[in-house]
Amino acid sequence: MKASNSEQEPSTIHINLINEPTIDSEELTTTYCVSILAVLGMLHIVVDRAREAKREGREYGGSFMIFGEAEIEHEDNEVALRKKSKLIKGIN
């Protein structure tokens, strides 16, 4: 007996939700992964890795705009200065 069309495996098609031809499937996959992590309450993982990558001068899966980035960068600089001053005081 032949299976009806509704019983066949569904075909997979690429849907460009943004209608922008320059976005490749890898970028869309990254976007979906970040969105899923955000919904699951784990966006902090992506943000932490993006910040770490930025400190190292590279990108983590693309370019991220991180809320409060300037304040965090300022705090990082202050921590680095404190560590340097401790080292200098320890040498003298």
PDB file of N, CA and C in Angstrom:
ATOM      1  N   MET A   1       0.833  -1.172   0.000  1.00  0.00           N
ATOM      2  CA  MET A   1       0.000   0.000   0.000  1.00  0.00           C
ATOM      3  C   MET A   1       0.885   1.245   0.000  1.00  0.00           C
ATOM      4  N   LYS A   2       0.561   2.219  -0.787  1.00  0.00           N
ATOM      5  CA  LYS A   2       1.356   3.437  -0.945  1.00  0.00           C
ATOM      6  C   LYS A   2       0.988   4.453   0.143  1.00  0.00           C
ATOM      7  N   ALA A   3       2.012   5.093   0.712  1.00  0.00           N
ATOM      8  CA  ALA A   3       1.766   6.082   1.762  1.00  0.00           C
ATOM      9  C   ALA A   3       1.219   7.359   1.150  1.00  0.00           C
ATOM     10  N   SER A   4       0.321   7.986   1.850  1.00  0.00           N
ATOM     11  CA  SER A   4      -0.235   9.248   1.356  1.00  0.00           C
ATOM     12  C   SER A   4       0.796  10.356   1.539  1.00  0.00           C
ATOM     13  N   ASN A   5       0.568  11.480   0.893  1.00  0.00           N
ATOM     14  CA  ASN A   5       1.498  12.608   0.983  1.00  0.00           C
ATOM     15  C   ASN A   5       1.665  13.095   2.416  1.00  0.00           C
ATOM     16  N   SER A   6       0.626  13.016   3.223  1.00  0.00           N
ATOM     17  CA  SER A   6       0.716  13.508   4.594  1.00  0.00           C
ATOM     18  C   SER A   6       1.561  12.593   5.471  1.00  0.00           C
ATOM     19  N   GLU A   7       1.782  11.342   5.058  1.00  0.00           N
ATOM     20  CA  GLU A   7       2.565  10.406   5.847  1.00  0.00           C
ATOM     21  C   GLU A   7       4.038  10.401   5.461  1.00  0.00           C
ATOM     22  N   GLN A   8       4.400  11.092   4.395  1.00  0.00           N
ATOM     23  CA  GLN A   8       5.793  11.141   3.965  1.00  0.00           C
ATOM     24  C   GLN A   8       6.585  12.066   4.878  1.00  0.00           C
ATOM     25  N   GLU A   9       7.895  11.848   4.875  1.00  0.00           N
ATOM     26  CA  GLU A   9       8.746  12.705   5.690  1.00  0.00           C
ATOM     27  C   GLU A   9       8.683  14.135   5.165  1.00  0.00           C
ATOM     28  N   PRO A  10       8.647  15.099   6.072  1.00  0.00           N
ATOM     29  CA  PRO A  10       8.586  16.492   5.613  1.00  0.00           C
ATOM     30  C   PRO A  10       9.906  16.892   4.975  1.00  0.00           C
ATOM     31  N   SER A  11       9.818  17.750   3.987  1.00  0.00           N
ATOM     32  CA  SER A  11      11.037  18.226   3.341  1.00  0.00           C
ATOM     33  C   SER A  11      11.574  19.413   4.128  1.00  0.00           C
ATOM     34  N   THR A  12      12.866  19.585   4.063  1.00  0.00           N
ATOM     35  CA  THR A  12      13.506  20.684   4.769  1.00  0.00           C
ATOM     36  C   THR A  12      13.789  21.790   3.778  1.00  0.00           C
ATOM     37  N   ILE A  13      13.362  22.994   4.112  1.00  0.00           N
ATOM     38  CA  ILE A  13      13.638  24.139   3.252  1.00  0.00           C
ATOM     39  C   ILE A  13      14.260  25.239   4.090  1.00  0.00           C
ATOM     40  N   HIS A  14      15.043  26.067   3.445  1.00  0.00           N
ATOM     41  CA  HIS A  14      15.665  27.198   4.130  1.00  0.00           C
ATOM     42  C   HIS A  14      14.725  28.387   4.013  1.00  0.00           C
ATOM     43  N   ILE A  15      14.342  28.948   5.141  1.00  0.00           N
ATOM     44  CA  ILE A  15      13.469  30.116   5.147  1.00  0.00           C
ATOM     45  C   ILE A  15      14.292  31.300   5.620  1.00  0.00           C
ATOM     46  N   ASN A  16      14.371  32.302   4.785  1.00  0.00           N
ATOM     47  CA  ASN A  16      15.099  33.511   5.147  1.00  0.00           C
ATOM     48  C   ASN A  16      14.113  34.469   5.797  1.00  0.00           C
ATOM     49  N   LEU A  17      14.079  34.477   7.133  1.00  0.00           N
ATOM     50  CA  LEU A  17      13.116  35.284   7.865  1.00  0.00           C
ATOM     51  C   LEU A  17      13.404  36.774   7.763  1.00  0.00           C
ATOM     52  N   ILE A  18      14.625  37.125   7.512  1.00  0.00           N
ATOM     53  CA  ILE A  18      15.010  38.527   7.500  1.00  0.00           C
ATOM     54  C   ILE A  18      14.991  39.093   6.081  1.00  0.00           C
ATOM     55  N   ASN A  19      14.876  38.246   5.078  1.00  0.00           N
ATOM     56  CA  ASN A  19      14.887  38.651   3.674  1.00  0.00           C
ATOM     57  C   ASN A  19      16.159  39.398   3.305  1.00  0.00           C
ATOM     58  N   GLU A  20      17.260  38.977   3.837  1.00  0.00           N
ATOM     59  CA  GLU A  20      18.540  39.573   3.515  1.00  0.00           C
ATOM     60  C   GLU A  20      19.421  38.500   2.899  1.00  0.00           C
ATOM     61  N   PRO A  21      19.799  38.663   1.640  1.00  0.00           N
ATOM     62  CA  PRO A  21      20.549  37.618   0.945  1.00  0.00           C
ATOM     63  C   PRO A  21      21.971  37.429   1.445  1.00  0.00           C
ATOM     64  N   THR A  22      22.509  38.379   2.203  1.00  0.00           N
ATOM     65  CA  THR A  22      23.899  38.270   2.639  1.00  0.00           C
ATOM     66  C   THR A  22      24.069  37.416   3.889  1.00  0.00           C
ATOM     67  N   ILE A  23      22.999  37.046   4.549  1.00  0.00           N
ATOM     68  CA  ILE A  23      23.094  36.237   5.761  1.00  0.00           C
ATOM     69  C   ILE A  23      23.174  34.769   5.368  1.00  0.00           C
ATOM     70  N   ASP A  24      24.228  34.093   5.809  1.00  0.00           N
ATOM     71  CA  ASP A  24      24.363  32.678   5.482  1.00  0.00           C
ATOM     72  C   ASP A  24      23.736  31.823   6.578  1.00  0.00           C
ATOM     73  N   SER A  25      23.639  30.543   6.314  1.00  0.00           N
ATOM     74  CA  SER A  25      22.962  29.645   7.253  1.00  0.00           C
ATOM     75  C   SER A  25      23.703  29.541   8.581  1.00  0.00           C
ATOM     76  N   GLU A  26      25.030  29.694   8.577  1.00  0.00           N
ATOM     77  CA  GLU A  26      25.791  29.626   9.832  1.00  0.00           C
ATOM     78  C   GLU A  26      25.423  30.793  10.750  1.00  0.00           C
ATOM     79  N   GLU A  27      25.261  31.993  10.169  1.00  0.00           N
ATOM     80  CA  GLU A  27      24.868  33.146  10.976  1.00  0.00           C
ATOM     81  C   GLU A  27      23.472  32.958  11.545  1.00  0.00           C
ATOM     82  N   LEU A  28      22.565  32.414  10.740  1.00  0.00           N
ATOM     83  CA  LEU A  28      21.211  32.166  11.230  1.00  0.00           C
ATOM     84  C   LEU A  28      21.227  31.143  12.353  1.00  0.00           C
ATOM     85  N   THR A  29      22.054  30.117  12.212  1.00  0.00           N
ATOM     86  CA  THR A  29      22.165  29.102  13.255  1.00  0.00           C
ATOM     87  C   THR A  29      22.684  29.718  14.546  1.00  0.00           C
ATOM     88  N   THR A  30      23.694  30.583  14.435  1.00  0.00           N
ATOM     89  CA  THR A  30      24.226  31.264  15.611  1.00  0.00           C
ATOM     90  C   THR A  30      23.149  32.116  16.266  1.00  0.00           C
ATOM     91  N   THR A  31      22.374  32.821  15.444  1.00  0.00           N
ATOM     92  CA  THR A  31      21.292  33.655  15.971  1.00  0.00           C
ATOM     93  C   THR A  31      20.274  32.811  16.704  1.00  0.00           C
ATOM     94  N   TYR A  32      19.906  31.681  16.121  1.00  0.00           N
ATOM     95  CA  TYR A  32      18.938  30.796  16.775  1.00  0.00           C
ATOM     96  C   TYR A  32      19.490  30.267  18.095  1.00  0.00           C
ATOM     97  N   CYS A  33      20.769  29.881  18.125  1.00  0.00           N
ATOM     98  CA  CYS A  33      21.372  29.346  19.354  1.00  0.00           C
ATOM     99  C   CYS A  33      21.365  30.388  20.463  1.00  0.00           C
ATOM    100  N   VAL A  34      21.741  31.623  20.141  1.00  0.00           N
ATOM    101  CA  VAL A  34      21.750  32.687  21.139  1.00  0.00           C
ATOM    102  C   VAL A  34      20.331  32.955  21.622  1.00  0.00           C
ATOM    103  N   SER A  35      19.372  32.943  20.705  1.00  0.00           N
ATOM    104  CA  SER A  35      17.978  33.171  21.086  1.00  0.00           C
ATOM    105  C   SER A  35      17.478  32.076  22.013  1.00  0.00           C
ATOM    106  N   ILE A  36      17.817  30.850  21.713  1.00  0.00           N
ATOM    107  CA  ILE A  36      17.381  29.722  22.551  1.00  0.00           C
ATOM    108  C   ILE A  36      18.018  29.817  23.931  1.00  0.00           C
ATOM    109  N   LEU A  37      19.313  30.138  23.982  1.00  0.00           N
ATOM    110  CA  LEU A  37      19.978  30.290  25.280  1.00  0.00           C
ATOM    111  C   LEU A  37      19.335  31.411  26.096  1.00  0.00           C
ATOM    112  N   ALA A  38      18.961  32.495  25.422  1.00  0.00           N
ATOM    113  CA  ALA A  38      18.316  33.603  26.132  1.00  0.00           C
ATOM    114  C   ALA A  38      16.984  33.168  26.720  1.00  0.00           C
ATOM    115  N   VAL A  39      16.208  32.426  25.953  1.00  0.00           N
ATOM    116  CA  VAL A  39      14.911  31.953  26.434  1.00  0.00           C
ATOM    117  C   VAL A  39      15.089  31.003  27.610  1.00  0.00           C
ATOM    118  N   LEU A  40      16.131  30.201  27.580  1.00  0.00           N
ATOM    119  CA  LEU A  40      16.384  29.248  28.659  1.00  0.00           C
ATOM    120  C   LEU A  40      17.050  29.894  29.877  1.00  0.00           C
ATOM    121  N   GLY A  41      17.288  31.193  29.806  1.00  0.00           N
ATOM    122  CA  GLY A  41      17.892  31.891  30.931  1.00  0.00           C
ATOM    123  C   GLY A  41      19.393  31.743  31.008  1.00  0.00           C
ATOM    124  N   MET A  42      20.034  31.393  29.906  1.00  0.00           N
ATOM    125  CA  MET A  42      21.484  31.179  29.916  1.00  0.00           C
ATOM    126  C   MET A  42      22.222  32.157  29.008  1.00  0.00           C
ATOM    127  N   LEU A  43      21.625  33.318  28.773  1.00  0.00           N
ATOM    128  CA  LEU A  43      22.274  34.311  27.926  1.00  0.00           C
ATOM    129  C   LEU A  43      23.594  34.783  28.534  1.00  0.00           C
ATOM    130  N   HIS A  44      23.695  34.727  29.859  1.00  0.00           N
ATOM    131  CA  HIS A  44      24.931  35.166  30.521  1.00  0.00           C
ATOM    132  C   HIS A  44      26.144  34.376  30.034  1.00  0.00           C
ATOM    133  N   ILE A  45      25.937  33.134  29.630  1.00  0.00           N
ATOM    134  CA  ILE A  45      27.044  32.320  29.110  1.00  0.00           C
ATOM    135  C   ILE A  45      27.578  32.935  27.824  1.00  0.00           C
ATOM    136  N   VAL A  46      26.669  33.299  26.924  1.00  0.00           N
ATOM    137  CA  VAL A  46      27.066  33.898  25.650  1.00  0.00           C
ATOM    138  C   VAL A  46      27.732  35.246  25.893  1.00  0.00           C
ATOM    139  N   VAL A  47      27.149  36.051  26.782  1.00  0.00           N
ATOM    140  CA  VAL A  47      27.701  37.371  27.074  1.00  0.00           C
ATOM    141  C   VAL A  47      29.102  37.245  27.671  1.00  0.00           C
ATOM    142  N   ASP A  48      29.288  36.321  28.607  1.00  0.00           N
ATOM    143  CA  ASP A  48      30.616  36.122  29.207  1.00  0.00           C
ATOM    144  C   ASP A  48      31.645  35.719  28.165  1.00  0.00           C
ATOM    145  N   ARG A  49      31.268  34.819  27.289  1.00  0.00           N
ATOM    146  CA  ARG A  49      32.215  34.376  26.246  1.00  0.00           C
ATOM    147  C   ARG A  49      32.496  35.483  25.240  1.00  0.00           C
ATOM    148  N   ALA A  50      31.485  36.284  24.929  1.00  0.00           N
ATOM    149  CA  ALA A  50      31.691  37.407  24.010  1.00  0.00           C
ATOM    150  C   ALA A  50      32.624  38.439  24.632  1.00  0.00           C
ATOM    151  N   ARG A  51      32.448  38.708  25.929  1.00  0.00           N
ATOM    152  CA  ARG A  51      33.337  39.658  26.620  1.00  0.00           C
ATOM    153  C   ARG A  51      34.767  39.136  26.666  1.00  0.00           C
ATOM    154  N   GLU A  52      34.921  37.863  26.965  1.00  0.00           N
ATOM    155  CA  GLU A  52      36.250  37.256  27.016  1.00  0.00           C
ATOM    156  C   GLU A  52      36.924  37.331  25.649  1.00  0.00           C
ATOM    157  N   ALA A  53      36.168  37.045  24.606  1.00  0.00           N
ATOM    158  CA  ALA A  53      36.719  37.110  23.252  1.00  0.00           C
ATOM    159  C   ALA A  53      37.134  38.535  22.914  1.00  0.00           C
ATOM    160  N   LYS A  54      36.322  39.512  23.322  1.00  0.00           N
ATOM    161  CA  LYS A  54      36.660  40.905  23.032  1.00  0.00           C
ATOM    162  C   LYS A  54      37.945  41.305  23.739  1.00  0.00           C
ATOM    163  N   ARG A  55      38.112  40.870  24.989  1.00  0.00           N
ATOM    164  CA  ARG A  55      39.344  41.175  25.733  1.00  0.00           C
ATOM    165  C   ARG A  55      40.567  40.606  25.026  1.00  0.00           C
ATOM    166  N   GLU A  56      40.377  39.447  24.387  1.00  0.00           N
ATOM    167  CA  GLU A  56      41.479  38.788  23.687  1.00  0.00           C
ATOM    168  C   GLU A  56      41.639  39.304  22.260  1.00  0.00           C
ATOM    169  N   GLY A  57      40.787  40.245  21.858  1.00  0.00           N
ATOM    170  CA  GLY A  57      40.898  40.839  20.532  1.00  0.00           C
ATOM    171  C   GLY A  57      40.331  39.987  19.415  1.00  0.00           C
ATOM    172  N   ARG A  58      39.353  39.168  19.710  1.00  0.00           N
ATOM    173  CA  ARG A  58      38.722  38.344  18.678  1.00  0.00           C
ATOM    174  C   ARG A  58      37.212  38.404  18.854  1.00  0.00           C
ATOM    175  N   GLU A  59      36.485  37.741  17.960  1.00  0.00           N
ATOM    176  CA  GLU A  59      35.027  37.706  18.048  1.00  0.00           C
ATOM    177  C   GLU A  59      34.569  36.325  18.465  1.00  0.00           C
ATOM    178  N   TYR A  60      33.442  36.271  19.143  1.00  0.00           N
ATOM    179  CA  TYR A  60      32.853  34.999  19.546  1.00  0.00           C
ATOM    180  C   TYR A  60      31.571  34.808  18.763  1.00  0.00           C
ATOM    181  N   GLY A  61      31.658  34.132  17.644  1.00  0.00           N
ATOM    182  CA  GLY A  61      30.474  33.857  16.840  1.00  0.00           C
ATOM    183  C   GLY A  61      29.856  35.084  16.216  1.00  0.00           C
ATOM    184  N   GLY A  62      30.582  36.159  16.097  1.00  0.00           N
ATOM    185  CA  GLY A  62      30.042  37.372  15.500  1.00  0.00           C
ATOM    186  C   GLY A  62      30.274  38.568  16.394  1.00  0.00           C
ATOM    187  N   SER A  63      29.659  39.645  16.031  1.00  0.00           N
ATOM    188  CA  SER A  63      29.810  40.883  16.776  1.00  0.00           C
ATOM    189  C   SER A  63      28.600  41.070  17.678  1.00  0.00           C
ATOM    190  N   PHE A  64      28.839  41.323  18.946  1.00  0.00           N
ATOM    191  CA  PHE A  64      27.764  41.489  19.912  1.00  0.00           C
ATOM    192  C   PHE A  64      27.762  42.911  20.448  1.00  0.00           C
ATOM    193  N   MET A  65      26.579  43.462  20.635  1.00  0.00           N
ATOM    194  CA  MET A  65      26.442  44.714  21.355  1.00  0.00           C
ATOM    195  C   MET A  65      26.040  44.312  22.772  1.00  0.00           C
ATOM    196  N   ILE A  66      26.887  44.585  23.730  1.00  0.00           N
ATOM    197  CA  ILE A  66      26.666  44.113  25.088  1.00  0.00           C
ATOM    198  C   ILE A  66      26.246  45.290  25.961  1.00  0.00           C
ATOM    199  N   PHE A  67      25.093  45.162  26.610  1.00  0.00           N
ATOM    200  CA  PHE A  67      24.593  46.204  27.498  1.00  0.00           C
ATOM    201  C   PHE A  67      25.547  46.376  28.669  1.00  0.00           C
ATOM    202  N   GLY A  68      25.904  47.615  28.966  1.00  0.00           N
ATOM    203  CA  GLY A  68      26.793  47.889  30.089  1.00  0.00           C
ATOM    204  C   GLY A  68      28.248  47.585  29.807  1.00  0.00           C
ATOM    205  N   GLU A  69      28.595  47.454  28.551  1.00  0.00           N
ATOM    206  CA  GLU A  69      29.952  47.059  28.180  1.00  0.00           C
ATOM    207  C   GLU A  69      30.996  48.081  28.622  1.00  0.00           C
ATOM    208  N   ALA A  70      30.674  49.362  28.513  1.00  0.00           N
ATOM    209  CA  ALA A  70      31.634  50.405  28.884  1.00  0.00           C
ATOM    210  C   ALA A  70      31.945  50.349  30.378  1.00  0.00           C
ATOM    211  N   GLU A  71      30.912  50.123  31.199  1.00  0.00           N
ATOM    212  CA  GLU A  71      31.122  50.048  32.643  1.00  0.00           C
ATOM    213  C   GLU A  71      31.976  48.839  33.009  1.00  0.00           C
ATOM    214  N   ILE A  72      31.715  47.727  32.358  1.00  0.00           N
ATOM    215  CA  ILE A  72      32.478  46.507  32.638  1.00  0.00           C
ATOM    216  C   ILE A  72      33.933  46.684  32.220  1.00  0.00           C
ATOM    217  N   GLU A  73      34.139  47.329  31.077  1.00  0.00           N
ATOM    218  CA  GLU A  73      35.503  47.582  30.617  1.00  0.00           C
ATOM    219  C   GLU A  73      36.233  48.492  31.609  1.00  0.00           C
ATOM    220  N   HIS A  74      35.526  49.484  32.132  1.00  0.00           N
ATOM    221  CA  HIS A  74      36.109  50.390  33.129  1.00  0.00           C
ATOM    222  C   HIS A  74      36.476  49.620  34.402  1.00  0.00           C
ATOM    223  N   GLU A  75      35.587  48.748  34.845  1.00  0.00           N
ATOM    224  CA  GLU A  75      35.868  47.925  36.031  1.00  0.00           C
ATOM    225  C   GLU A  75      37.077  47.026  35.801  1.00  0.00           C
ATOM    226  N   ASP A  76      37.159  46.434  34.610  1.00  0.00           N
ATOM    227  CA  ASP A  76      38.309  45.581  34.284  1.00  0.00           C
ATOM    228  C   ASP A  76      39.610  46.372  34.346  1.00  0.00           C
ATOM    229  N   ASN A  77      39.571  47.605  33.840  1.00  0.00           N
ATOM    230  CA  ASN A  77      40.765  48.454  33.885  1.00  0.00           C
ATOM    231  C   ASN A  77      41.152  48.782  35.322  1.00  0.00           C
ATOM    232  N   GLU A  78      40.150  49.056  36.165  1.00  0.00           N
ATOM    233  CA  GLU A  78      40.437  49.344  37.575  1.00  0.00           C
ATOM    234  C   GLU A  78      41.047  48.134  38.279  1.00  0.00           C
ATOM    235  N   VAL A  79      40.528  46.956  38.003  1.00  0.00           N
ATOM    236  CA  VAL A  79      41.067  45.729  38.599  1.00  0.00           C
ATOM    237  C   VAL A  79      42.512  45.529  38.159  1.00  0.00           C
ATOM    238  N   ALA A  80      42.779  45.762  36.885  1.00  0.00           N
ATOM    239  CA  ALA A  80      44.144  45.611  36.374  1.00  0.00           C
ATOM    240  C   ALA A  80      45.087  46.609  37.046  1.00  0.00           C
ATOM    241  N   LEU A  81      44.620  47.847  37.234  1.00  0.00           N
ATOM    242  CA  LEU A  81      45.457  48.849  37.900  1.00  0.00           C
ATOM    243  C   LEU A  81      45.738  48.467  39.349  1.00  0.00           C
ATOM    244  N   ARG A  82      44.728  47.942  40.052  1.00  0.00           N
ATOM    245  CA  ARG A  82      44.936  47.508  41.437  1.00  0.00           C
ATOM    246  C   ARG A  82      45.969  46.392  41.513  1.00  0.00           C
ATOM    247  N   LYS A  83      45.872  45.438  40.584  1.00  0.00           N
ATOM    248  CA  LYS A  83      46.832  44.327  40.568  1.00  0.00           C
ATOM    249  C   LYS A  83      48.242  44.833  40.292  1.00  0.00           C
ATOM    250  N   LYS A  84      48.361  45.782  39.363  1.00  0.00           N
ATOM    251  CA  LYS A  84      49.678  46.350  39.053  1.00  0.00           C
ATOM    252  C   LYS A  84      50.260  47.071  40.258  1.00  0.00           C
ATOM    253  N   SER A  85      49.407  47.843  40.939  1.00  0.00           N
ATOM    254  CA  SER A  85      49.920  48.584  42.098  1.00  0.00           C
ATOM    255  C   SER A  85      50.330  47.634  43.223  1.00  0.00           C
ATOM    256  N   LYS A  86      49.601  46.524  43.403  1.00  0.00           N
ATOM    257  CA  LYS A  86      49.993  45.517  44.396  1.00  0.00           C
ATOM    258  C   LYS A  86      51.353  44.922  44.056  1.00  0.00           C
ATOM    259  N   LEU A  87      51.535  44.605  42.775  1.00  0.00           N
ATOM    260  CA  LEU A  87      52.817  44.042  42.345  1.00  0.00           C
ATOM    261  C   LEU A  87      53.958  45.025  42.578  1.00  0.00           C
ATOM    262  N   ILE A  88      53.714  46.289  42.255  1.00  0.00           N
ATOM    263  CA  ILE A  88      54.758  47.300  42.426  1.00  0.00           C
ATOM    264  C   ILE A  88      55.080  47.482  43.903  1.00  0.00           C
ATOM    265  N   LYS A  89      54.050  47.519  44.752  1.00  0.00           N
ATOM    266  CA  LYS A  89      54.274  47.654  46.196  1.00  0.00           C
ATOM    267  C   LYS A  89      55.016  46.443  46.749  1.00  0.00           C
ATOM    268  N   GLY A  90      54.735  45.279  46.206  1.00  0.00           N
ATOM    269  CA  GLY A  90      55.411  44.059  46.640  1.00  0.00           C
ATOM    270  C   GLY A  90      56.877  44.043  46.267  1.00  0.00           C
ATOM    271  N   ILE A  91      57.233  44.679  45.172  1.00  0.00           N
ATOM    272  CA  ILE A  91      58.625  44.735  44.717  1.00  0.00           C
ATOM    273  C   ILE A  91      59.418  45.714  45.564  1.00  0.00           C
ATOM    274  N   ASN A  92      58.813  46.842  45.927  1.00  0.00           N
ATOM    275  CA  ASN A  92      59.520  47.883  46.708  1.00  0.00           C
ATOM    276  C   ASN A  92      59.640  47.494  48.103  1.00  0.00           C
TER     277      ASN A  92
END
